[in-house]
Structures are given as C-alpha cells and as structure tokens.
C-alpha cells in the first residue's frame, strides 16, 4: 500500500479513536465521580473539562516523547489560533454570538495573560520543567477560583450550564468502569496512530514538524471544539460557544503543555515568534470584539476567518 495513503489512514483512524475515546472517558469518569458523591457542578468544571482535553494532551505528550517537541507546541499554539479565528469565526458567521459579562471580566483576560506568559516562556527557545510546573500550578489556581465563584453564584442558569455539560449517569458501576478503561485505551492508541501518521506525512512531503503541528495536528485535535461551538451557535447557546473556546485555550496551555513539559522538556524548533505572536494577537483581538455590545457579529466572525485563512496561506506557501 502507498506510504502516504497508509499514513493518512493512520491519521484518520487515530482521530476517530481520539474522539470516541474522549467521549467514552468523559462519560465513564463523570459517572464514577457522581457515584462517589461529587456534585455535578464540580464534575462539569473539572472531570468533563479535563476529559475533553485528553486527546490534545496525549497527542502532545506522544509527540514530545518521540522527539517532536515542535508538534507538541504547534498543537497547542495552532489549536488556540484555530479555536478563536476559525471556530469562533465560523460560529459567528452562522449566528451572531452574545457573550456574558463573566467571560469578558474574568475568563478572556486570564486567557490573554496566560498566552502572554507562554510567549515569554518560549522566547529562549526551550521549555523546561519549571515553566511546565508554573503553568500547571496556575491551572489549579484557575480551577479553584472558578469552583469558588460557581459555588457562590446565585443565578440558577449558571449552575444549570455546568450540569448540562455532565453526561447522564449510567446505572451500573461495571459499565462506568468499562467506559473509562475503553476510553483510555482508545485515546492512547489513537494518539499514537495520529502522531505517527502525521510525522511520516510531514517527512514524506518535506514539511517541518512545526508546520504539521500548527496545521494538521492542531485542526484535527480541535474538531470536537469545532463541532461543539458550531452546534451551540446554531442552537443559539451563545455562552457555550464562546466559553468552550476560551476554556479550551486555557486548558491547552496550562494543562496540556504544562503536563507535557513537566514529563518531557523540549527545545523549540520551527515555531516562530510570528506563530506565538498571532496566538497572543487573536486572544487580544477577541476582547474588544466581544465587548462591543457583548456580541460577536457576523462581520467580526468573517474578519477572524480571513485572519485564519491568511495564516494558513503563509504557513503552507
């Protein structure tokens, strides 16, 4: 069989396993947490959020362990750019997105600061365990603040939003455990196939690991967020569309990159300050766009999509 076709099958099969594995893991682990008496609010903020980020985590970790740190970092940087410029842009083109005051006051500014910190950390061309530890500790602080504020929130609609993110609990514990184990297995195998195929395709076409990480891997691992945000936009669940993207960007940097670097520090090759700068720029740009009337309009969504298309053209030319 043709090598390119075989590796394309690896990439596709890996992506399918990652999506199915994440869904299975979230359902199983959420059900177990609920059976142990953890509130649906906490499960929604922690178990579900971490579970849906597991594909990106395993892909980045697998790439770093294979010596492709550029794919690991490119996955995070490329995903964050795609989340705002492509996913939110397309969502706004479908239906103008109304945002909440909480996102503007807390979550988006935190995303901007965290993005800026990552740009600073990568300026010396290396990410070490200290930087990874700082990122991961920051994740703990962010989750602590989010849980505290959510517990104190008197608006029932806010609490219901977290509850709706938690899958319905299956009846049998054995089934929950099976879902969790199967999900983990699919994720590990899927990440290995996806990264292996992506690396081989890159080498076959003389494309750098950095470009593959910023494009194929980043967009591939962002497909669940794309589906979630587009569906939310169609159904006019606007806070979910924006909150999904902002939360994903924070987890990408603090959890995925933080854990990856703690386990296996790596040098940075091929990821330029242009890539890092665009990640920070899109985060900065989002704030004034959503603050204007608390709505992300269609023309603003179109602007974001044009920025993403221009970035892809620059990378692949």
C-alpha atoms as a PDB file:
ATOM      1  CA  UNK A   1       0.000   0.000   0.000  1.00  0.00           C
ATOM      2  CA  UNK A   2       1.186   3.516  -0.813  1.00  0.00           C
ATOM      3  CA  UNK A   3       3.007   5.005   2.210  1.00  0.00           C
ATOM      4  CA  UNK A   4       1.126   8.315   2.063  1.00  0.00           C
ATOM      5  CA  UNK A   5      -2.235   6.526   1.881  1.00  0.00           C
ATOM      6  CA  UNK A   6      -1.285   4.248   4.781  1.00  0.00           C
ATOM      7  CA  UNK A   7      -0.212   7.169   6.960  1.00  0.00           C
ATOM      8  CA  UNK A   8      -3.354   9.091   6.016  1.00  0.00           C
ATOM      9  CA  UNK A   9      -5.362   6.098   7.241  1.00  0.00           C
ATOM     10  CA  UNK A  10      -3.323   6.188  10.483  1.00  0.00           C
ATOM     11  CA  UNK A  11      -4.166   9.876  10.935  1.00  0.00           C
ATOM     12  CA  UNK A  12      -7.873   9.353  10.235  1.00  0.00           C
ATOM     13  CA  UNK A  13      -8.142   6.227  12.396  1.00  0.00           C
ATOM     14  CA  UNK A  14      -6.233   7.950  15.188  1.00  0.00           C
ATOM     15  CA  UNK A  15      -8.546  10.957  15.062  1.00  0.00           C
ATOM     16  CA  UNK A  16     -11.654   8.744  15.207  1.00  0.00           C
ATOM     17  CA  UNK A  17     -10.222   6.835  18.191  1.00  0.00           C
ATOM     18  CA  UNK A  18      -9.363  10.118  19.942  1.00  0.00           C
ATOM     19  CA  UNK A  19     -12.897  11.472  19.554  1.00  0.00           C
ATOM     20  CA  UNK A  20     -14.575   8.209  20.594  1.00  0.00           C
ATOM     21  CA  UNK A  21     -12.101   7.679  23.423  1.00  0.00           C
ATOM     22  CA  UNK A  22     -12.638  11.174  24.835  1.00  0.00           C
ATOM     23  CA  UNK A  23     -16.415  10.730  24.804  1.00  0.00           C
ATOM     24  CA  UNK A  24     -16.169   7.311  26.486  1.00  0.00           C
ATOM     25  CA  UNK A  25     -13.695   8.577  29.093  1.00  0.00           C
ATOM     26  CA  UNK A  26     -15.841  11.607  29.958  1.00  0.00           C
ATOM     27  CA  UNK A  27     -18.998   9.521  30.323  1.00  0.00           C
ATOM     28  CA  UNK A  28     -17.330   6.844  32.421  1.00  0.00           C
ATOM     29  CA  UNK A  29     -15.272   9.102  34.687  1.00  0.00           C
ATOM     30  CA  UNK A  30     -18.159  11.563  35.154  1.00  0.00           C
ATOM     31  CA  UNK A  31     -20.485   8.739  36.177  1.00  0.00           C
ATOM     32  CA  UNK A  32     -17.932   7.366  38.648  1.00  0.00           C
ATOM     33  CA  UNK A  33     -17.399  10.826  40.146  1.00  0.00           C
ATOM     34  CA  UNK A  34     -21.150  11.316  40.546  1.00  0.00           C
ATOM     35  CA  UNK A  35     -21.492   7.897  42.214  1.00  0.00           C
ATOM     36  CA  UNK A  36     -18.755   8.920  44.654  1.00  0.00           C
ATOM     37  CA  UNK A  37     -20.869  11.919  45.668  1.00  0.00           C
ATOM     38  CA  UNK A  38     -19.078  14.651  43.710  1.00  0.00           C
ATOM     39  CA  UNK A  39     -21.542  17.372  42.683  1.00  0.00           C
ATOM     40  CA  UNK A  40     -22.392  17.812  39.025  1.00  0.00           C
ATOM     41  CA  UNK A  41     -21.092  21.385  39.260  1.00  0.00           C
ATOM     42  CA  UNK A  42     -17.584  20.225  40.220  1.00  0.00           C
ATOM     43  CA  UNK A  43     -17.693  17.387  37.702  1.00  0.00           C
ATOM     44  CA  UNK A  44     -18.575  19.835  34.933  1.00  0.00           C
ATOM     45  CA  UNK A  45     -15.750  22.199  35.858  1.00  0.00           C
ATOM     46  CA  UNK A  46     -13.072  19.538  36.312  1.00  0.00           C
ATOM     47  CA  UNK A  47     -13.714  15.986  35.105  1.00  0.00           C
ATOM     48  CA  UNK A  48     -15.522  16.953  31.898  1.00  0.00           C
ATOM     49  CA  UNK A  49     -13.159  19.832  31.113  1.00  0.00           C
ATOM     50  CA  UNK A  50     -10.030  17.698  31.592  1.00  0.00           C
ATOM     51  CA  UNK A  51     -11.579  14.693  29.844  1.00  0.00           C
ATOM     52  CA  UNK A  52     -12.393  16.624  26.678  1.00  0.00           C
ATOM     53  CA  UNK A  53      -8.787  17.929  26.592  1.00  0.00           C
ATOM     54  CA  UNK A  54      -7.266  14.449  26.902  1.00  0.00           C
ATOM     55  CA  UNK A  55      -6.862  13.924  23.112  1.00  0.00           C
ATOM     56  CA  UNK A  56      -4.701  17.056  22.807  1.00  0.00           C
ATOM     57  CA  UNK A  57      -2.751  16.028  25.925  1.00  0.00           C
ATOM     58  CA  UNK A  58      -1.913  12.552  24.651  1.00  0.00           C
ATOM     59  CA  UNK A  59      -1.097  13.799  21.144  1.00  0.00           C
ATOM     60  CA  UNK A  60       1.283  16.451  22.524  1.00  0.00           C
ATOM     61  CA  UNK A  61       2.843  14.024  25.001  1.00  0.00           C
ATOM     62  CA  UNK A  62       3.264  11.325  22.349  1.00  0.00           C
ATOM     63  CA  UNK A  63       4.898  13.834  20.005  1.00  0.00           C
ATOM     64  CA  UNK A  64       7.264  15.125  22.709  1.00  0.00           C
ATOM     65  CA  UNK A  65       8.294  11.581  23.693  1.00  0.00           C
ATOM     66  CA  UNK A  66       9.006  10.816  20.039  1.00  0.00           C
ATOM     67  CA  UNK A  67      11.377  13.789  19.942  1.00  0.00           C
ATOM     68  CA  UNK A  68       8.960  16.056  18.053  1.00  0.00           C
ATOM     69  CA  UNK A  69       8.578  18.887  20.537  1.00  0.00           C
ATOM     70  CA  UNK A  70       7.615  21.183  17.667  1.00  0.00           C
ATOM     71  CA  UNK A  71       4.479  19.109  17.030  1.00  0.00           C
ATOM     72  CA  UNK A  72       3.638  19.245  20.746  1.00  0.00           C
ATOM     73  CA  UNK A  73       3.962  23.027  20.930  1.00  0.00           C
ATOM     74  CA  UNK A  74       2.495  23.515  17.453  1.00  0.00           C
ATOM     75  CA  UNK A  75      -0.559  21.523  18.513  1.00  0.00           C
ATOM     76  CA  UNK A  76      -1.239  23.934  21.384  1.00  0.00           C
ATOM     77  CA  UNK A  77      -0.381  27.167  19.541  1.00  0.00           C
ATOM     78  CA  UNK A  78      -2.179  26.110  16.350  1.00  0.00           C
ATOM     79  CA  UNK A  79      -5.234  24.880  18.260  1.00  0.00           C
ATOM     80  CA  UNK A  80      -5.519  28.161  20.175  1.00  0.00           C
ATOM     81  CA  UNK A  81      -5.323  30.180  16.969  1.00  0.00           C
ATOM     82  CA  UNK A  82      -7.860  27.895  15.252  1.00  0.00           C
ATOM     83  CA  UNK A  83     -10.210  27.965  18.252  1.00  0.00           C
ATOM     84  CA  UNK A  84     -10.596  31.748  18.065  1.00  0.00           C
ATOM     85  CA  UNK A  85     -10.003  32.631  14.410  1.00  0.00           C
ATOM     86  CA  UNK A  86     -11.590  29.573  12.756  1.00  0.00           C
ATOM     87  CA  UNK A  87     -14.068  28.075  15.224  1.00  0.00           C
ATOM     88  CA  UNK A  88     -15.456  31.264  16.773  1.00  0.00           C
ATOM     89  CA  UNK A  89     -15.278  32.973  13.396  1.00  0.00           C
ATOM     90  CA  UNK A  90     -17.372  30.278  11.700  1.00  0.00           C
ATOM     91  CA  UNK A  91     -19.764  30.157  14.654  1.00  0.00           C
ATOM     92  CA  UNK A  92     -20.338  33.925  14.450  1.00  0.00           C
ATOM     93  CA  UNK A  93     -20.884  33.719  10.681  1.00  0.00           C
ATOM     94  CA  UNK A  94     -23.643  31.165  11.316  1.00  0.00           C
ATOM     95  CA  UNK A  95     -25.273  33.217  14.060  1.00  0.00           C
ATOM     96  CA  UNK A  96     -24.085  36.349  15.940  1.00  0.00           C
ATOM     97  CA  UNK A  97     -22.772  35.283  19.342  1.00  0.00           C
ATOM     98  CA  UNK A  98     -23.854  37.068  22.501  1.00  0.00           C
ATOM     99  CA  UNK A  99     -21.345  36.835  25.351  1.00  0.00           C
ATOM    100  CA  UNK A 100     -21.618  37.028  29.128  1.00  0.00           C
ATOM    101  CA  UNK A 101     -20.085  39.624  31.426  1.00  0.00           C
ATOM    102  CA  UNK A 102     -18.175  36.866  33.270  1.00  0.00           C
ATOM    103  CA  UNK A 103     -16.292  35.863  30.134  1.00  0.00           C
ATOM    104  CA  UNK A 104     -15.309  39.480  29.481  1.00  0.00           C
ATOM    105  CA  UNK A 105     -14.386  40.285  33.111  1.00  0.00           C
ATOM    106  CA  UNK A 106     -12.562  37.065  34.039  1.00  0.00           C
ATOM    107  CA  UNK A 107     -12.003  34.301  31.514  1.00  0.00           C
ATOM    108  CA  UNK A 108     -10.869  36.192  28.401  1.00  0.00           C
ATOM    109  CA  UNK A 109      -8.426  38.451  30.345  1.00  0.00           C
ATOM    110  CA  UNK A 110      -6.970  35.349  32.035  1.00  0.00           C
ATOM    111  CA  UNK A 111      -6.591  33.710  28.605  1.00  0.00           C
ATOM    112  CA  UNK A 112      -4.731  36.798  27.357  1.00  0.00           C
ATOM    113  CA  UNK A 113      -2.364  36.818  30.345  1.00  0.00           C
ATOM    114  CA  UNK A 114      -1.684  33.081  30.075  1.00  0.00           C
ATOM    115  CA  UNK A 115      -1.000  33.415  26.326  1.00  0.00           C
ATOM    116  CA  UNK A 116       1.431  36.242  27.044  1.00  0.00           C
ATOM    117  CA  UNK A 117       3.205  34.150  29.681  1.00  0.00           C
ATOM    118  CA  UNK A 118       3.651  31.321  27.168  1.00  0.00           C
ATOM    119  CA  UNK A 119       5.136  33.736  24.610  1.00  0.00           C
ATOM    120  CA  UNK A 120       7.603  34.866  27.296  1.00  0.00           C
ATOM    121  CA  UNK A 121       8.479  31.272  28.275  1.00  0.00           C
ATOM    122  CA  UNK A 122       9.230  30.279  24.662  1.00  0.00           C
ATOM    123  CA  UNK A 123      11.412  33.304  23.889  1.00  0.00           C
ATOM    124  CA  UNK A 124      14.600  31.460  24.909  1.00  0.00           C
ATOM    125  CA  UNK A 125      13.894  28.531  22.560  1.00  0.00           C
ATOM    126  CA  UNK A 126      13.303  25.932  25.280  1.00  0.00           C
ATOM    127  CA  UNK A 127      10.514  24.816  27.602  1.00  0.00           C
ATOM    128  CA  UNK A 128      11.697  23.245  30.856  1.00  0.00           C
ATOM    129  CA  UNK A 129      10.087  21.570  33.836  1.00  0.00           C
ATOM    130  CA  UNK A 130       9.991  24.830  35.843  1.00  0.00           C
ATOM    131  CA  UNK A 131       7.866  26.532  33.165  1.00  0.00           C
ATOM    132  CA  UNK A 132       5.639  23.452  32.971  1.00  0.00           C
ATOM    133  CA  UNK A 133       5.207  23.423  36.738  1.00  0.00           C
ATOM    134  CA  UNK A 134       4.272  27.122  36.779  1.00  0.00           C
ATOM    135  CA  UNK A 135       1.666  26.538  34.072  1.00  0.00           C
ATOM    136  CA  UNK A 136       0.172  23.517  35.846  1.00  0.00           C
ATOM    137  CA  UNK A 137       0.016  25.287  39.225  1.00  0.00           C
ATOM    138  CA  UNK A 138      -1.733  28.197  37.509  1.00  0.00           C
ATOM    139  CA  UNK A 139      -4.313  25.709  36.228  1.00  0.00           C
ATOM    140  CA  UNK A 140      -5.018  24.623  39.808  1.00  0.00           C
ATOM    141  CA  UNK A 141      -5.462  28.247  40.886  1.00  0.00           C
ATOM    142  CA  UNK A 142      -7.788  28.971  37.956  1.00  0.00           C
ATOM    143  CA  UNK A 143      -9.944  25.923  38.699  1.00  0.00           C
ATOM    144  CA  UNK A 144     -10.060  26.879  42.371  1.00  0.00           C
ATOM    145  CA  UNK A 145     -11.313  30.373  41.536  1.00  0.00           C
ATOM    146  CA  UNK A 146     -13.841  29.011  39.015  1.00  0.00           C
ATOM    147  CA  UNK A 147     -15.220  26.459  41.501  1.00  0.00           C
ATOM    148  CA  UNK A 148     -15.435  29.052  44.295  1.00  0.00           C
ATOM    149  CA  UNK A 149     -17.248  31.579  42.106  1.00  0.00           C
ATOM    150  CA  UNK A 150     -19.566  28.945  40.649  1.00  0.00           C
ATOM    151  CA  UNK A 151     -20.492  27.712  44.134  1.00  0.00           C
ATOM    152  CA  UNK A 152     -21.222  31.289  45.204  1.00  0.00           C
ATOM    153  CA  UNK A 153     -23.200  32.071  42.057  1.00  0.00           C
ATOM    154  CA  UNK A 154     -26.881  32.564  42.883  1.00  0.00           C
ATOM    155  CA  UNK A 155     -28.074  32.521  39.301  1.00  0.00           C
ATOM    156  CA  UNK A 156     -29.579  29.075  38.699  1.00  0.00           C
ATOM    157  CA  UNK A 157     -28.983  29.348  34.938  1.00  0.00           C
ATOM    158  CA  UNK A 158     -25.220  29.431  35.507  1.00  0.00           C
ATOM    159  CA  UNK A 159     -25.330  26.334  37.698  1.00  0.00           C
ATOM    160  CA  UNK A 160     -27.533  24.546  35.162  1.00  0.00           C
ATOM    161  CA  UNK A 161     -25.000  25.255  32.417  1.00  0.00           C
ATOM    162  CA  UNK A 162     -22.393  23.175  34.254  1.00  0.00           C
ATOM    163  CA  UNK A 163     -24.903  20.423  34.990  1.00  0.00           C
ATOM    164  CA  UNK A 164     -25.856  20.169  31.326  1.00  0.00           C
ATOM    165  CA  UNK A 165     -22.214  19.505  30.426  1.00  0.00           C
ATOM    166  CA  UNK A 166     -22.232  16.349  32.568  1.00  0.00           C
ATOM    167  CA  UNK A 167     -23.449  13.218  30.757  1.00  0.00           C
ATOM    168  CA  UNK A 168     -26.395  11.331  32.249  1.00  0.00           C
ATOM    169  CA  UNK A 169     -25.133   8.792  34.765  1.00  0.00           C
ATOM    170  CA  UNK A 170     -25.429   5.175  33.582  1.00  0.00           C
ATOM    171  CA  UNK A 171     -26.927   2.728  36.068  1.00  0.00           C
ATOM    172  CA  UNK A 172     -24.181   0.139  36.561  1.00  0.00           C
ATOM    173  CA  UNK A 173     -20.732   0.804  38.029  1.00  0.00           C
ATOM    174  CA  UNK A 174     -19.225  -2.002  35.914  1.00  0.00           C
ATOM    175  CA  UNK A 175     -20.405  -0.194  32.801  1.00  0.00           C
ATOM    176  CA  UNK A 176     -18.857   3.069  34.035  1.00  0.00           C
ATOM    177  CA  UNK A 177     -15.514   1.391  34.681  1.00  0.00           C
ATOM    178  CA  UNK A 178     -15.650  -0.298  31.276  1.00  0.00           C
ATOM    179  CA  UNK A 179     -16.329   3.015  29.556  1.00  0.00           C
ATOM    180  CA  UNK A 180     -13.404   4.636  31.363  1.00  0.00           C
ATOM    181  CA  UNK A 181     -10.946   1.835  30.537  1.00  0.00           C
ATOM    182  CA  UNK A 182     -12.096   1.595  26.913  1.00  0.00           C
ATOM    183  CA  UNK A 183     -11.865   5.378  26.578  1.00  0.00           C
ATOM    184  CA  UNK A 184      -8.303   5.461  27.891  1.00  0.00           C
ATOM    185  CA  UNK A 185      -7.297   2.611  25.587  1.00  0.00           C
ATOM    186  CA  UNK A 186      -8.778   4.331  22.540  1.00  0.00           C
ATOM    187  CA  UNK A 187      -7.064   7.597  23.465  1.00  0.00           C
ATOM    188  CA  UNK A 188      -3.625   6.035  23.883  1.00  0.00           C
ATOM    189  CA  UNK A 189      -3.866   4.044  20.640  1.00  0.00           C
ATOM    190  CA  UNK A 190      -5.442   6.944  18.762  1.00  0.00           C
ATOM    191  CA  UNK A 191      -2.764   9.417  19.851  1.00  0.00           C
ATOM    192  CA  UNK A 192      -0.006   7.005  18.798  1.00  0.00           C
ATOM    193  CA  UNK A 193      -1.534   6.389  15.343  1.00  0.00           C
ATOM    194  CA  UNK A 194      -2.334  10.060  14.794  1.00  0.00           C
ATOM    195  CA  UNK A 195       1.151  11.313  15.679  1.00  0.00           C
ATOM    196  CA  UNK A 196       2.924   8.518  13.819  1.00  0.00           C
ATOM    197  CA  UNK A 197       0.922   9.202  10.657  1.00  0.00           C
ATOM    198  CA  UNK A 198       1.349  12.983  10.918  1.00  0.00           C
ATOM    199  CA  UNK A 199       5.140  12.731  11.368  1.00  0.00           C
ATOM    200  CA  UNK A 200       5.530  10.340   8.427  1.00  0.00           C
ATOM    201  CA  UNK A 201       3.396  12.546   6.162  1.00  0.00           C
ATOM    202  CA  UNK A 202       5.485  15.575   7.157  1.00  0.00           C
ATOM    203  CA  UNK A 203       8.739  13.790   6.355  1.00  0.00           C
ATOM    204  CA  UNK A 204       7.330  12.402   3.086  1.00  0.00           C
ATOM    205  CA  UNK A 205       6.480  15.876   1.782  1.00  0.00           C
ATOM    206  CA  UNK A 206       9.497  17.597   3.408  1.00  0.00           C
ATOM    207  CA  UNK A 207       7.194  19.630   5.636  1.00  0.00           C
ATOM    208  CA  UNK A 208       8.551  20.579   9.052  1.00  0.00           C
ATOM    209  CA  UNK A 209       7.172  19.105  12.262  1.00  0.00           C
ATOM    210  CA  UNK A 210       6.278  22.662  13.323  1.00  0.00           C
ATOM    211  CA  UNK A 211       4.022  23.252  10.292  1.00  0.00           C
ATOM    212  CA  UNK A 212       2.357  19.847  10.716  1.00  0.00           C
ATOM    213  CA  UNK A 213       1.749  20.661  14.392  1.00  0.00           C
ATOM    214  CA  UNK A 214       0.332  24.099  13.600  1.00  0.00           C
ATOM    215  CA  UNK A 215      -1.970  22.832  10.837  1.00  0.00           C
ATOM    216  CA  UNK A 216      -2.935  19.144  10.564  1.00  0.00           C
ATOM    217  CA  UNK A 217      -2.483  18.193  14.219  1.00  0.00           C
ATOM    218  CA  UNK A 218      -3.915  21.452  15.593  1.00  0.00           C
ATOM    219  CA  UNK A 219      -7.051  21.400  13.433  1.00  0.00           C
ATOM    220  CA  UNK A 220      -7.503  17.640  13.880  1.00  0.00           C
ATOM    221  CA  UNK A 221      -7.479  17.808  17.664  1.00  0.00           C
ATOM    222  CA  UNK A 222      -9.733  20.900  17.578  1.00  0.00           C
ATOM    223  CA  UNK A 223     -12.532  19.165  15.654  1.00  0.00           C
ATOM    224  CA  UNK A 224     -14.522  18.339  18.840  1.00  0.00           C
ATOM    225  CA  UNK A 225     -14.421  22.015  19.854  1.00  0.00           C
ATOM    226  CA  UNK A 226     -15.438  22.986  16.310  1.00  0.00           C
ATOM    227  CA  UNK A 227     -18.423  20.652  16.383  1.00  0.00           C
ATOM    228  CA  UNK A 228     -19.470  21.781  19.872  1.00  0.00           C
ATOM    229  CA  UNK A 229     -19.232  25.506  19.111  1.00  0.00           C
ATOM    230  CA  UNK A 230     -20.934  25.323  15.702  1.00  0.00           C
ATOM    231  CA  UNK A 231     -23.833  23.266  17.085  1.00  0.00           C
ATOM    232  CA  UNK A 232     -24.104  25.641  20.068  1.00  0.00           C
ATOM    233  CA  UNK A 233     -24.173  28.609  17.690  1.00  0.00           C
ATOM    234  CA  UNK A 234     -26.883  27.017  15.523  1.00  0.00           C
ATOM    235  CA  UNK A 235     -28.966  26.395  18.651  1.00  0.00           C
ATOM    236  CA  UNK A 236     -28.209  29.931  19.927  1.00  0.00           C
ATOM    237  CA  UNK A 237     -26.459  28.652  23.079  1.00  0.00           C
ATOM    238  CA  UNK A 238     -24.031  31.513  22.748  1.00  0.00           C
ATOM    239  CA  UNK A 239     -22.193  31.336  26.085  1.00  0.00           C
ATOM    240  CA  UNK A 240     -21.387  27.691  25.409  1.00  0.00           C
ATOM    241  CA  UNK A 241     -19.838  28.548  22.022  1.00  0.00           C
ATOM    242  CA  UNK A 242     -17.517  31.240  23.441  1.00  0.00           C
ATOM    243  CA  UNK A 243     -16.932  29.575  26.808  1.00  0.00           C
ATOM    244  CA  UNK A 244     -15.974  26.316  25.089  1.00  0.00           C
ATOM    245  CA  UNK A 245     -13.264  28.076  23.074  1.00  0.00           C
ATOM    246  CA  UNK A 246     -11.885  30.184  25.923  1.00  0.00           C
ATOM    247  CA  UNK A 247     -11.848  27.226  28.305  1.00  0.00           C
ATOM    248  CA  UNK A 248     -10.166  25.024  25.715  1.00  0.00           C
ATOM    249  CA  UNK A 249      -7.431  27.618  25.096  1.00  0.00           C
ATOM    250  CA  UNK A 250      -6.707  27.871  28.821  1.00  0.00           C
ATOM    251  CA  UNK A 251      -6.541  24.088  29.223  1.00  0.00           C
ATOM    252  CA  UNK A 252      -4.333  23.754  26.129  1.00  0.00           C
ATOM    253  CA  UNK A 253      -1.645  25.951  27.657  1.00  0.00           C
ATOM    254  CA  UNK A 254      -1.980  25.279  31.381  1.00  0.00           C
ATOM    255  CA  UNK A 255      -2.858  21.578  31.398  1.00  0.00           C
ATOM    256  CA  UNK A 256      -1.724  20.045  28.107  1.00  0.00           C
ATOM    257  CA  UNK A 257       1.504  21.965  27.569  1.00  0.00           C
ATOM    258  CA  UNK A 258       2.206  22.180  31.308  1.00  0.00           C
ATOM    259  CA  UNK A 259       1.986  18.422  31.847  1.00  0.00           C
ATOM    260  CA  UNK A 260       3.826  17.620  28.607  1.00  0.00           C
ATOM    261  CA  UNK A 261       6.787  19.815  29.544  1.00  0.00           C
ATOM    262  CA  UNK A 262       6.891  18.506  33.128  1.00  0.00           C
ATOM    263  CA  UNK A 263       7.148  14.939  31.797  1.00  0.00           C
ATOM    264  CA  UNK A 264       9.488  15.672  28.886  1.00  0.00           C
ATOM    265  CA  UNK A 265      11.065  19.148  28.441  1.00  0.00           C
ATOM    266  CA  UNK A 266      11.962  20.026  24.851  1.00  0.00           C
ATOM    267  CA  UNK A 267      13.690  22.581  22.669  1.00  0.00           C
ATOM    268  CA  UNK A 268      11.631  24.681  20.267  1.00  0.00           C
ATOM    269  CA  UNK A 269      12.351  24.436  16.557  1.00  0.00           C
ATOM    270  CA  UNK A 270      10.252  25.857  13.749  1.00  0.00           C
ATOM    271  CA  UNK A 271       7.701  27.631  15.953  1.00  0.00           C
ATOM    272  CA  UNK A 272       8.465  31.295  15.357  1.00  0.00           C
ATOM    273  CA  UNK A 273       7.549  34.485  17.151  1.00  0.00           C
ATOM    274  CA  UNK A 274       5.101  35.100  14.297  1.00  0.00           C
ATOM    275  CA  UNK A 275       3.165  31.973  15.340  1.00  0.00           C
ATOM    276  CA  UNK A 276       3.378  32.844  19.033  1.00  0.00           C
ATOM    277  CA  UNK A 277       2.506  36.472  18.311  1.00  0.00           C
ATOM    278  CA  UNK A 278      -0.580  35.533  16.296  1.00  0.00           C
ATOM    279  CA  UNK A 279      -1.787  33.296  19.145  1.00  0.00           C
ATOM    280  CA  UNK A 280      -1.484  36.265  21.518  1.00  0.00           C
ATOM    281  CA  UNK A 281      -2.942  38.693  18.958  1.00  0.00           C
ATOM    282  CA  UNK A 282      -6.101  36.623  18.406  1.00  0.00           C
ATOM    283  CA  UNK A 283      -6.590  36.389  22.172  1.00  0.00           C
ATOM    284  CA  UNK A 284      -6.162  40.178  22.485  1.00  0.00           C
ATOM    285  CA  UNK A 285      -8.427  40.837  19.496  1.00  0.00           C
ATOM    286  CA  UNK A 286     -11.263  38.763  20.935  1.00  0.00           C
ATOM    287  CA  UNK A 287     -11.741  41.066  23.934  1.00  0.00           C
ATOM    288  CA  UNK A 288     -12.662  44.296  22.100  1.00  0.00           C
ATOM    289  CA  UNK A 289     -14.721  42.325  19.561  1.00  0.00           C
ATOM    290  CA  UNK A 290     -16.970  40.750  22.203  1.00  0.00           C
ATOM    291  CA  UNK A 291     -17.070  43.895  24.371  1.00  0.00           C
ATOM    292  CA  UNK A 292     -18.754  45.887  21.573  1.00  0.00           C
ATOM    293  CA  UNK A 293     -22.343  45.359  22.604  1.00  0.00           C
ATOM    294  CA  UNK A 294     -21.484  41.994  24.186  1.00  0.00           C
ATOM    295  CA  UNK A 295     -21.949  40.453  20.718  1.00  0.00           C
ATOM    296  CA  UNK A 296     -19.591  38.866  18.190  1.00  0.00           C
ATOM    297  CA  UNK A 297     -21.238  39.914  14.911  1.00  0.00           C
ATOM    298  CA  UNK A 298     -21.062  38.220  11.519  1.00  0.00           C
ATOM    299  CA  UNK A 299     -18.607  40.725  10.061  1.00  0.00           C
ATOM    300  CA  UNK A 300     -16.342  40.220  13.071  1.00  0.00           C
ATOM    301  CA  UNK A 301     -16.581  36.457  12.597  1.00  0.00           C
ATOM    302  CA  UNK A 302     -15.703  36.958   8.928  1.00  0.00           C
ATOM    303  CA  UNK A 303     -12.660  39.017   9.943  1.00  0.00           C
ATOM    304  CA  UNK A 304     -11.450  36.209  12.214  1.00  0.00           C
ATOM    305  CA  UNK A 305     -11.877  33.599   9.446  1.00  0.00           C
ATOM    306  CA  UNK A 306      -9.955  35.794   6.976  1.00  0.00           C
ATOM    307  CA  UNK A 307      -7.114  36.101   9.508  1.00  0.00           C
ATOM    308  CA  UNK A 308      -7.003  32.309   9.842  1.00  0.00           C
ATOM    309  CA  UNK A 309      -7.041  31.720   6.082  1.00  0.00           C
ATOM    310  CA  UNK A 310      -4.228  34.253   5.652  1.00  0.00           C
ATOM    311  CA  UNK A 311      -2.207  32.483   8.357  1.00  0.00           C
ATOM    312  CA  UNK A 312      -2.692  29.081   6.672  1.00  0.00           C
ATOM    313  CA  UNK A 313      -1.608  30.513   3.309  1.00  0.00           C
ATOM    314  CA  UNK A 314       1.526  31.962   4.908  1.00  0.00           C
ATOM    315  CA  UNK A 315       2.399  28.618   6.549  1.00  0.00           C
ATOM    316  CA  UNK A 316       1.806  26.407   3.529  1.00  0.00           C
ATOM    317  CA  UNK A 317       3.168  28.582   0.720  1.00  0.00           C
END
